Amino acid sequence: MVTQITHFEELILLKIRELPEEKKAEILDFIDFLRGSKEKREGEEYSYYLITLRKKIGEKGGLGLGERKEEILQRLRRDREEVWKENYEDHFR
């Protein structure tokens, strides 16, 4: 079964790919923690962890996509183009 990822998840993956390996491991551990929390907890307790994650990302300066909508869209388009060139462009020549 192929799992579809959301646009938000795709953005997270792009950011994770840019990190040093040790940071990637920390993030994957945290994701596993959240996944386990989701299975064990419902409603408000689970959303507490997501709110905490959002706060921590904000405290560290955010995802660096930009401040204004136009900046964010420009960055996302640039990232999408880079991913295309790196992973797919050669397959369609």
PDB file of N, CA and C in Angstrom:
ATOM      1  N   MET A   1       0.835  -1.177   0.000  1.00  0.00           N
ATOM      2  CA  MET A   1       0.000   0.000   0.000  1.00  0.00           C
ATOM      3  C   MET A   1       0.886   1.249   0.000  1.00  0.00           C
ATOM      4  N   VAL A   2       0.664   2.146  -0.936  1.00  0.00           N
ATOM      5  CA  VAL A   2       1.412   3.386  -1.035  1.00  0.00           C
ATOM      6  C   VAL A   2       0.740   4.431  -0.151  1.00  0.00           C
ATOM      7  N   THR A   3       1.531   5.059   0.686  1.00  0.00           N
ATOM      8  CA  THR A   3       1.017   6.089   1.577  1.00  0.00           C
ATOM      9  C   THR A   3       1.207   7.451   0.926  1.00  0.00           C
ATOM     10  N   GLN A   4       0.140   8.215   0.827  1.00  0.00           N
ATOM     11  CA  GLN A   4       0.211   9.567   0.285  1.00  0.00           C
ATOM     12  C   GLN A   4       0.646  10.517   1.390  1.00  0.00           C
ATOM     13  N   ILE A   5       1.526  11.437   1.054  1.00  0.00           N
ATOM     14  CA  ILE A   5       1.929  12.428   2.047  1.00  0.00           C
ATOM     15  C   ILE A   5       1.268  13.758   1.705  1.00  0.00           C
ATOM     16  N   THR A   6       0.999  14.508   2.739  1.00  0.00           N
ATOM     17  CA  THR A   6       0.375  15.816   2.554  1.00  0.00           C
ATOM     18  C   THR A   6       1.436  16.832   2.148  1.00  0.00           C
ATOM     19  N   HIS A   7       0.976  17.968   1.700  1.00  0.00           N
ATOM     20  CA  HIS A   7       1.886  19.055   1.329  1.00  0.00           C
ATOM     21  C   HIS A   7       2.725  19.479   2.534  1.00  0.00           C
ATOM     22  N   PHE A   8       2.086  19.546   3.692  1.00  0.00           N
ATOM     23  CA  PHE A   8       2.791  19.913   4.921  1.00  0.00           C
ATOM     24  C   PHE A   8       3.886  18.887   5.240  1.00  0.00           C
ATOM     25  N   GLU A   9       3.567  17.604   5.100  1.00  0.00           N
ATOM     26  CA  GLU A   9       4.566  16.564   5.358  1.00  0.00           C
ATOM     27  C   GLU A   9       5.721  16.650   4.363  1.00  0.00           C
ATOM     28  N   GLU A  10       5.410  16.995   3.128  1.00  0.00           N
ATOM     29  CA  GLU A  10       6.455  17.157   2.117  1.00  0.00           C
ATOM     30  C   GLU A  10       7.403  18.295   2.497  1.00  0.00           C
ATOM     31  N   LEU A  11       6.845  19.391   3.006  1.00  0.00           N
ATOM     32  CA  LEU A  11       7.678  20.516   3.445  1.00  0.00           C
ATOM     33  C   LEU A  11       8.592  20.102   4.588  1.00  0.00           C
ATOM     34  N   ILE A  12       8.055  19.340   5.516  1.00  0.00           N
ATOM     35  CA  ILE A  12       8.864  18.873   6.636  1.00  0.00           C
ATOM     36  C   ILE A  12       9.998  17.991   6.131  1.00  0.00           C
ATOM     37  N   LEU A  13       9.696  17.090   5.213  1.00  0.00           N
ATOM     38  CA  LEU A  13      10.731  16.212   4.673  1.00  0.00           C
ATOM     39  C   LEU A  13      11.838  17.005   3.980  1.00  0.00           C
ATOM     40  N   LEU A  14      11.464  18.031   3.249  1.00  0.00           N
ATOM     41  CA  LEU A  14      12.471  18.862   2.591  1.00  0.00           C
ATOM     42  C   LEU A  14      13.402  19.510   3.609  1.00  0.00           C
ATOM     43  N   LYS A  15      12.812  20.010   4.697  1.00  0.00           N
ATOM     44  CA  LYS A  15      13.617  20.648   5.731  1.00  0.00           C
ATOM     45  C   LYS A  15      14.517  19.630   6.430  1.00  0.00           C
ATOM     46  N   ILE A  16      13.989  18.457   6.709  1.00  0.00           N
ATOM     47  CA  ILE A  16      14.774  17.425   7.392  1.00  0.00           C
ATOM     48  C   ILE A  16      15.964  17.017   6.540  1.00  0.00           C
ATOM     49  N   ARG A  17      15.784  16.920   5.243  1.00  0.00           N
ATOM     50  CA  ARG A  17      16.884  16.532   4.346  1.00  0.00           C
ATOM     51  C   ARG A  17      18.050  17.502   4.414  1.00  0.00           C
ATOM     52  N   GLU A  18      17.782  18.760   4.738  1.00  0.00           N
ATOM     53  CA  GLU A  18      18.838  19.780   4.789  1.00  0.00           C
ATOM     54  C   GLU A  18      19.656  19.724   6.075  1.00  0.00           C
ATOM     55  N   LEU A  19      19.196  18.986   7.059  1.00  0.00           N
ATOM     56  CA  LEU A  19      19.849  18.979   8.369  1.00  0.00           C
ATOM     57  C   LEU A  19      21.052  18.044   8.411  1.00  0.00           C
ATOM     58  N   PRO A  20      21.973  18.298   9.352  1.00  0.00           N
ATOM     59  CA  PRO A  20      23.069  17.356   9.590  1.00  0.00           C
ATOM     60  C   PRO A  20      22.502  16.025  10.092  1.00  0.00           C
ATOM     61  N   GLU A  21      23.232  14.964   9.875  1.00  0.00           N
ATOM     62  CA  GLU A  21      22.753  13.617  10.214  1.00  0.00           C
ATOM     63  C   GLU A  21      22.331  13.469  11.679  1.00  0.00           C
ATOM     64  N   GLU A  22      23.084  14.067  12.616  1.00  0.00           N
ATOM     65  CA  GLU A  22      22.737  13.910  14.035  1.00  0.00           C
ATOM     66  C   GLU A  22      21.401  14.573  14.354  1.00  0.00           C
ATOM     67  N   LYS A  23      21.095  15.682  13.682  1.00  0.00           N
ATOM     68  CA  LYS A  23      19.807  16.348  13.891  1.00  0.00           C
ATOM     69  C   LYS A  23      18.673  15.517  13.297  1.00  0.00           C
ATOM     70  N   LYS A  24      18.942  14.884  12.159  1.00  0.00           N
ATOM     71  CA  LYS A  24      17.926  14.023  11.548  1.00  0.00           C
ATOM     72  C   LYS A  24      17.532  12.904  12.506  1.00  0.00           C
ATOM     73  N   ALA A  25      18.528  12.327  13.167  1.00  0.00           N
ATOM     74  CA  ALA A  25      18.247  11.243  14.111  1.00  0.00           C
ATOM     75  C   ALA A  25      17.387  11.738  15.269  1.00  0.00           C
ATOM     76  N   GLU A  26      17.679  12.936  15.766  1.00  0.00           N
ATOM     77  CA  GLU A  26      16.876  13.502  16.858  1.00  0.00           C
ATOM     78  C   GLU A  26      15.427  13.699  16.426  1.00  0.00           C
ATOM     79  N   ILE A  27      15.246  14.201  15.225  1.00  0.00           N
ATOM     80  CA  ILE A  27      13.893  14.447  14.724  1.00  0.00           C
ATOM     81  C   ILE A  27      13.152  13.126  14.529  1.00  0.00           C
ATOM     82  N   LEU A  28      13.817  12.136  13.976  1.00  0.00           N
ATOM     83  CA  LEU A  28      13.161  10.843  13.781  1.00  0.00           C
ATOM     84  C   LEU A  28      12.777  10.214  15.115  1.00  0.00           C
ATOM     85  N   ASP A  29      13.629  10.375  16.119  1.00  0.00           N
ATOM     86  CA  ASP A  29      13.283   9.884  17.461  1.00  0.00           C
ATOM     87  C   ASP A  29      12.049  10.605  17.991  1.00  0.00           C
ATOM     88  N   PHE A  30      11.992  11.907  17.772  1.00  0.00           N
ATOM     89  CA  PHE A  30      10.845  12.676  18.251  1.00  0.00           C
ATOM     90  C   PHE A  30       9.569  12.262  17.515  1.00  0.00           C
ATOM     91  N   ILE A  31       9.680  12.023  16.214  1.00  0.00           N
ATOM     92  CA  ILE A  31       8.525  11.570  15.439  1.00  0.00           C
ATOM     93  C   ILE A  31       8.036  10.224  15.968  1.00  0.00           C
ATOM     94  N   ASP A  32       8.955   9.322  16.261  1.00  0.00           N
ATOM     95  CA  ASP A  32       8.564   8.029  16.841  1.00  0.00           C
ATOM     96  C   ASP A  32       7.859   8.229  18.176  1.00  0.00           C
ATOM     97  N   PHE A  33       8.361   9.166  18.975  1.00  0.00           N
ATOM     98  CA  PHE A  33       7.725   9.481  20.252  1.00  0.00           C
ATOM     99  C   PHE A  33       6.292   9.954  20.030  1.00  0.00           C
ATOM    100  N   LEU A  34       6.122  10.877  19.073  1.00  0.00           N
ATOM    101  CA  LEU A  34       4.785  11.384  18.781  1.00  0.00           C
ATOM    102  C   LEU A  34       3.869  10.278  18.268  1.00  0.00           C
ATOM    103  N   ARG A  35       4.404   9.422  17.409  1.00  0.00           N
ATOM    104  CA  ARG A  35       3.600   8.317  16.873  1.00  0.00           C
ATOM    105  C   ARG A  35       3.124   7.424  18.015  1.00  0.00           C
ATOM    106  N   GLY A  36       4.011   7.110  18.938  1.00  0.00           N
ATOM    107  CA  GLY A  36       3.634   6.302  20.092  1.00  0.00           C
ATOM    108  C   GLY A  36       2.625   7.023  20.968  1.00  0.00           C
ATOM    109  N   SER A  37       2.811   8.325  21.105  1.00  0.00           N
ATOM    110  CA  SER A  37       1.885   9.113  21.902  1.00  0.00           C
ATOM    111  C   SER A  37       0.500   9.125  21.280  1.00  0.00           C
ATOM    112  N   LYS A  38       0.459   9.194  19.966  1.00  0.00           N
ATOM    113  CA  LYS A  38      -0.827   9.224  19.274  1.00  0.00           C
ATOM    114  C   LYS A  38      -1.582   7.922  19.508  1.00  0.00           C
ATOM    115  N   GLU A  39      -0.864   6.815  19.482  1.00  0.00           N
ATOM    116  CA  GLU A  39      -1.513   5.528  19.682  1.00  0.00           C
ATOM    117  C   GLU A  39      -2.013   5.372  21.112  1.00  0.00           C
ATOM    118  N   LYS A  40      -1.329   5.996  22.063  1.00  0.00           N
ATOM    119  CA  LYS A  40      -1.672   5.840  23.472  1.00  0.00           C
ATOM    120  C   LYS A  40      -2.640   6.906  23.965  1.00  0.00           C
ATOM    121  N   ARG A  41      -2.615   8.056  23.350  1.00  0.00           N
ATOM    122  CA  ARG A  41      -3.404   9.185  23.860  1.00  0.00           C
ATOM    123  C   ARG A  41      -4.409   9.637  22.823  1.00  0.00           C
ATOM    124  N   GLU A  42      -5.412  10.304  23.285  1.00  0.00           N
ATOM    125  CA  GLU A  42      -6.440  10.838  22.400  1.00  0.00           C
ATOM    126  C   GLU A  42      -6.593  12.332  22.631  1.00  0.00           C
ATOM    127  N   GLY A  43      -7.152  12.997  21.640  1.00  0.00           N
ATOM    128  CA  GLY A  43      -7.571  14.390  21.760  1.00  0.00           C
ATOM    129  C   GLY A  43      -6.543  15.366  22.269  1.00  0.00           C
ATOM    130  N   GLU A  44      -6.827  15.983  23.399  1.00  0.00           N
ATOM    131  CA  GLU A  44      -6.031  17.097  23.905  1.00  0.00           C
ATOM    132  C   GLU A  44      -4.604  16.704  24.249  1.00  0.00           C
ATOM    133  N   GLU A  45      -4.400  15.498  24.791  1.00  0.00           N
ATOM    134  CA  GLU A  45      -3.042  15.102  25.163  1.00  0.00           C
ATOM    135  C   GLU A  45      -2.148  15.015  23.924  1.00  0.00           C
ATOM    136  N   TYR A  46      -2.664  14.440  22.838  1.00  0.00           N
ATOM    137  CA  TYR A  46      -1.880  14.336  21.610  1.00  0.00           C
ATOM    138  C   TYR A  46      -1.613  15.720  21.029  1.00  0.00           C
ATOM    139  N   SER A  47      -2.632  16.564  20.992  1.00  0.00           N
ATOM    140  CA  SER A  47      -2.435  17.890  20.417  1.00  0.00           C
ATOM    141  C   SER A  47      -1.468  18.716  21.267  1.00  0.00           C
ATOM    142  N   TYR A  48      -1.344  18.420  22.549  1.00  0.00           N
ATOM    143  CA  TYR A  48      -0.363  19.106  23.394  1.00  0.00           C
ATOM    144  C   TYR A  48       1.040  18.940  22.810  1.00  0.00           C
ATOM    145  N   TYR A  49       1.371  17.725  22.368  1.00  0.00           N
ATOM    146  CA  TYR A  49       2.703  17.477  21.813  1.00  0.00           C
ATOM    147  C   TYR A  49       2.898  18.226  20.497  1.00  0.00           C
ATOM    148  N   LEU A  50       1.863  18.310  19.689  1.00  0.00           N
ATOM    149  CA  LEU A  50       1.979  19.061  18.443  1.00  0.00           C
ATOM    150  C   LEU A  50       2.135  20.553  18.713  1.00  0.00           C
ATOM    151  N   ILE A  51       1.402  21.061  19.678  1.00  0.00           N
ATOM    152  CA  ILE A  51       1.535  22.472  20.051  1.00  0.00           C
ATOM    153  C   ILE A  51       2.944  22.740  20.573  1.00  0.00           C
ATOM    154  N   THR A  52       3.448  21.832  21.397  1.00  0.00           N
ATOM    155  CA  THR A  52       4.808  21.962  21.926  1.00  0.00           C
ATOM    156  C   THR A  52       5.825  21.961  20.791  1.00  0.00           C
ATOM    157  N   LEU A  53       5.650  21.079  19.824  1.00  0.00           N
ATOM    158  CA  LEU A  53       6.552  21.018  18.681  1.00  0.00           C
ATOM    159  C   LEU A  53       6.516  22.329  17.903  1.00  0.00           C
ATOM    160  N   ARG A  54       5.332  22.847  17.653  1.00  0.00           N
ATOM    161  CA  ARG A  54       5.215  24.117  16.931  1.00  0.00           C
ATOM    162  C   ARG A  54       5.920  25.238  17.691  1.00  0.00           C
ATOM    163  N   LYS A  55       5.763  25.275  19.014  1.00  0.00           N
ATOM    164  CA  LYS A  55       6.417  26.313  19.818  1.00  0.00           C
ATOM    165  C   LYS A  55       7.934  26.194  19.719  1.00  0.00           C
ATOM    166  N   LYS A  56       8.439  24.963  19.820  1.00  0.00           N
ATOM    167  CA  LYS A  56       9.884  24.758  19.745  1.00  0.00           C
ATOM    168  C   LYS A  56      10.430  25.182  18.393  1.00  0.00           C
ATOM    169  N   ILE A  57       9.708  24.844  17.320  1.00  0.00           N
ATOM    170  CA  ILE A  57      10.130  25.263  15.985  1.00  0.00           C
ATOM    171  C   ILE A  57      10.137  26.779  15.908  1.00  0.00           C
ATOM    172  N   GLY A  58       9.107  27.419  16.454  1.00  0.00           N
ATOM    173  CA  GLY A  58       9.036  28.872  16.453  1.00  0.00           C
ATOM    174  C   GLY A  58      10.164  29.507  17.246  1.00  0.00           C
ATOM    175  N   GLU A  59      10.478  28.930  18.402  1.00  0.00           N
ATOM    176  CA  GLU A  59      11.555  29.453  19.239  1.00  0.00           C
ATOM    177  C   GLU A  59      12.908  29.352  18.546  1.00  0.00           C
ATOM    178  N   LYS A  60      13.068  28.354  17.701  1.00  0.00           N
ATOM    179  CA  LYS A  60      14.329  28.164  16.983  1.00  0.00           C
ATOM    180  C   LYS A  60      14.378  28.961  15.687  1.00  0.00           C
ATOM    181  N   GLY A  61      13.350  29.773  15.451  1.00  0.00           N
ATOM    182  CA  GLY A  61      13.361  30.620  14.266  1.00  0.00           C
ATOM    183  C   GLY A  61      12.478  30.126  13.143  1.00  0.00           C
ATOM    184  N   GLY A  62      11.684  29.116  13.385  1.00  0.00           N
ATOM    185  CA  GLY A  62      10.773  28.608  12.364  1.00  0.00           C
ATOM    186  C   GLY A  62      11.473  27.735  11.352  1.00  0.00           C
ATOM    187  N   LEU A  63      10.762  27.434  10.308  1.00  0.00           N
ATOM    188  CA  LEU A  63      11.296  26.563   9.269  1.00  0.00           C
ATOM    189  C   LEU A  63      12.082  27.324   8.208  1.00  0.00           C
ATOM    190  N   GLY A  64      12.130  28.633   8.353  1.00  0.00           N
ATOM    191  CA  GLY A  64      12.928  29.421   7.423  1.00  0.00           C
ATOM    192  C   GLY A  64      12.330  29.527   6.034  1.00  0.00           C
ATOM    193  N   LEU A  65      11.032  29.437   5.939  1.00  0.00           N
ATOM    194  CA  LEU A  65      10.391  29.529   4.630  1.00  0.00           C
ATOM    195  C   LEU A  65      10.146  30.962   4.209  1.00  0.00           C
ATOM    196  N   GLY A  66      10.122  31.878   5.151  1.00  0.00           N
ATOM    197  CA  GLY A  66       9.878  33.280   4.851  1.00  0.00           C
ATOM    198  C   GLY A  66       8.823  33.842   5.780  1.00  0.00           C
ATOM    199  N   GLU A  67       8.628  35.137   5.702  1.00  0.00           N
ATOM    200  CA  GLU A  67       7.665  35.819   6.562  1.00  0.00           C
ATOM    201  C   GLU A  67       6.347  36.071   5.841  1.00  0.00           C
ATOM    202  N   ARG A  68       6.442  36.508   4.602  1.00  0.00           N
ATOM    203  CA  ARG A  68       5.240  36.845   3.845  1.00  0.00           C
ATOM    204  C   ARG A  68       4.840  35.677   2.945  1.00  0.00           C
ATOM    205  N   LYS A  69       3.571  35.647   2.569  1.00  0.00           N
ATOM    206  CA  LYS A  69       3.047  34.590   1.714  1.00  0.00           C
ATOM    207  C   LYS A  69       3.864  34.471   0.429  1.00  0.00           C
ATOM    208  N   GLU A  70       4.218  35.597  -0.168  1.00  0.00           N
ATOM    209  CA  GLU A  70       4.970  35.587  -1.422  1.00  0.00           C
ATOM    210  C   GLU A  70       6.350  34.950  -1.242  1.00  0.00           C
ATOM    211  N   GLU A  71       7.009  35.260  -0.113  1.00  0.00           N
ATOM    212  CA  GLU A  71       8.323  34.666   0.176  1.00  0.00           C
ATOM    213  C   GLU A  71       8.212  33.155   0.349  1.00  0.00           C
ATOM    214  N   ILE A  72       7.195  32.744   1.072  1.00  0.00           N
ATOM    215  CA  ILE A  72       7.002  31.317   1.323  1.00  0.00           C
ATOM    216  C   ILE A  72       6.748  30.577   0.010  1.00  0.00           C
ATOM    217  N   LEU A  73       5.877  31.120  -0.824  1.00  0.00           N
ATOM    218  CA  LEU A  73       5.588  30.483  -2.107  1.00  0.00           C
ATOM    219  C   LEU A  73       6.823  30.415  -2.988  1.00  0.00           C
ATOM    220  N   GLN A  74       7.598  31.500  -3.007  1.00  0.00           N
ATOM    221  CA  GLN A  74       8.823  31.515  -3.799  1.00  0.00           C
ATOM    222  C   GLN A  74       9.793  30.429  -3.308  1.00  0.00           C
ATOM    223  N   ARG A  75       9.950  30.308  -2.003  1.00  0.00           N
ATOM    224  CA  ARG A  75      10.846  29.297  -1.428  1.00  0.00           C
ATOM    225  C   ARG A  75      10.361  27.890  -1.747  1.00  0.00           C
ATOM    226  N   LEU A  76       9.060  27.667  -1.617  1.00  0.00           N
ATOM    227  CA  LEU A  76       8.511  26.340  -1.896  1.00  0.00           C
ATOM    228  C   LEU A  76       8.676  25.966  -3.369  1.00  0.00           C
ATOM    229  N   ARG A  77       8.468  26.933  -4.239  1.00  0.00           N
ATOM    230  CA  ARG A  77       8.659  26.662  -5.672  1.00  0.00           C
ATOM    231  C   ARG A  77      10.122  26.335  -5.971  1.00  0.00           C
ATOM    232  N   ARG A  78      11.036  27.073  -5.347  1.00  0.00           N
ATOM    233  CA  ARG A  78      12.466  26.819  -5.543  1.00  0.00           C
ATOM    234  C   ARG A  78      12.835  25.428  -5.022  1.00  0.00           C
ATOM    235  N   ASP A  79      12.324  25.079  -3.839  1.00  0.00           N
ATOM    236  CA  ASP A  79      12.601  23.749  -3.280  1.00  0.00           C
ATOM    237  C   ASP A  79      12.037  22.648  -4.163  1.00  0.00           C
ATOM    238  N   ARG A  80      10.809  22.860  -4.660  1.00  0.00           N
ATOM    239  CA  ARG A  80      10.183  21.860  -5.525  1.00  0.00           C
ATOM    240  C   ARG A  80      11.004  21.667  -6.791  1.00  0.00           C
ATOM    241  N   GLU A  81      11.499  22.767  -7.359  1.00  0.00           N
ATOM    242  CA  GLU A  81      12.319  22.687  -8.560  1.00  0.00           C
ATOM    243  C   GLU A  81      13.623  21.931  -8.284  1.00  0.00           C
ATOM    244  N   GLU A  82      14.239  22.202  -7.136  1.00  0.00           N
ATOM    245  CA  GLU A  82      15.475  21.504  -6.773  1.00  0.00           C
ATOM    246  C   GLU A  82      15.237  20.009  -6.611  1.00  0.00           C
ATOM    247  N   VAL A  83      14.145  19.647  -5.954  1.00  0.00           N
ATOM    248  CA  VAL A  83      13.812  18.227  -5.772  1.00  0.00           C
ATOM    249  C   VAL A  83      13.590  17.575  -7.129  1.00  0.00           C
ATOM    250  N   TRP A  84      12.878  18.262  -8.015  1.00  0.00           N
ATOM    251  CA  TRP A  84      12.639  17.731  -9.357  1.00  0.00           C
ATOM    252  C   TRP A  84      13.964  17.480 -10.067  1.00  0.00           C
ATOM    253  N   LYS A  85      14.843  18.474 -10.057  1.00  0.00           N
ATOM    254  CA  LYS A  85      16.121  18.341 -10.755  1.00  0.00           C
ATOM    255  C   LYS A  85      16.960  17.212 -10.176  1.00  0.00           C
ATOM    256  N   GLU A  86      16.996  17.117  -8.853  1.00  0.00           N
ATOM    257  CA  GLU A  86      17.826  16.105  -8.199  1.00  0.00           C
ATOM    258  C   GLU A  86      17.292  14.688  -8.388  1.00  0.00           C
ATOM    259  N   ASN A  87      15.978  14.524  -8.371  1.00  0.00           N
ATOM    260  CA  ASN A  87      15.416  13.181  -8.311  1.00  0.00           C
ATOM    261  C   ASN A  87      14.718  12.686  -9.567  1.00  0.00           C
ATOM    262  N   TYR A  88      14.221  13.583 -10.415  1.00  0.00           N
ATOM    263  CA  TYR A  88      13.352  13.131 -11.488  1.00  0.00           C
ATOM    264  C   TYR A  88      13.744  13.585 -12.889  1.00  0.00           C
ATOM    265  N   GLU A  89      14.400  14.721 -13.015  1.00  0.00           N
ATOM    266  CA  GLU A  89      14.651  15.318 -14.312  1.00  0.00           C
ATOM    267  C   GLU A  89      15.339  14.361 -15.281  1.00  0.00           C
ATOM    268  N   ASP A  90      16.335  13.630 -14.811  1.00  0.00           N
ATOM    269  CA  ASP A  90      17.075  12.714 -15.687  1.00  0.00           C
ATOM    270  C   ASP A  90      16.221  11.581 -16.229  1.00  0.00           C
ATOM    271  N   HIS A  91      15.147  11.239 -15.548  1.00  0.00           N
ATOM    272  CA  HIS A  91      14.282  10.149 -15.984  1.00  0.00           C
ATOM    273  C   HIS A  91      13.394  10.541 -17.171  1.00  0.00           C
ATOM    274  N   PHE A  92      13.291  11.835 -17.445  1.00  0.00           N
ATOM    275  CA  PHE A  92      12.392  12.305 -18.481  1.00  0.00           C
ATOM    276  C   PHE A  92      13.115  12.990 -19.637  1.00  0.00           C
ATOM    277  N   ARG A  93      14.362  12.684 -19.809  1.00  0.00           N
ATOM    278  CA  ARG A  93      15.143  13.259 -20.937  1.00  0.00           C
ATOM    279  C   ARG A  93      15.077  12.339 -22.113  1.00  0.00           C
TER     280      ARG A  93
END
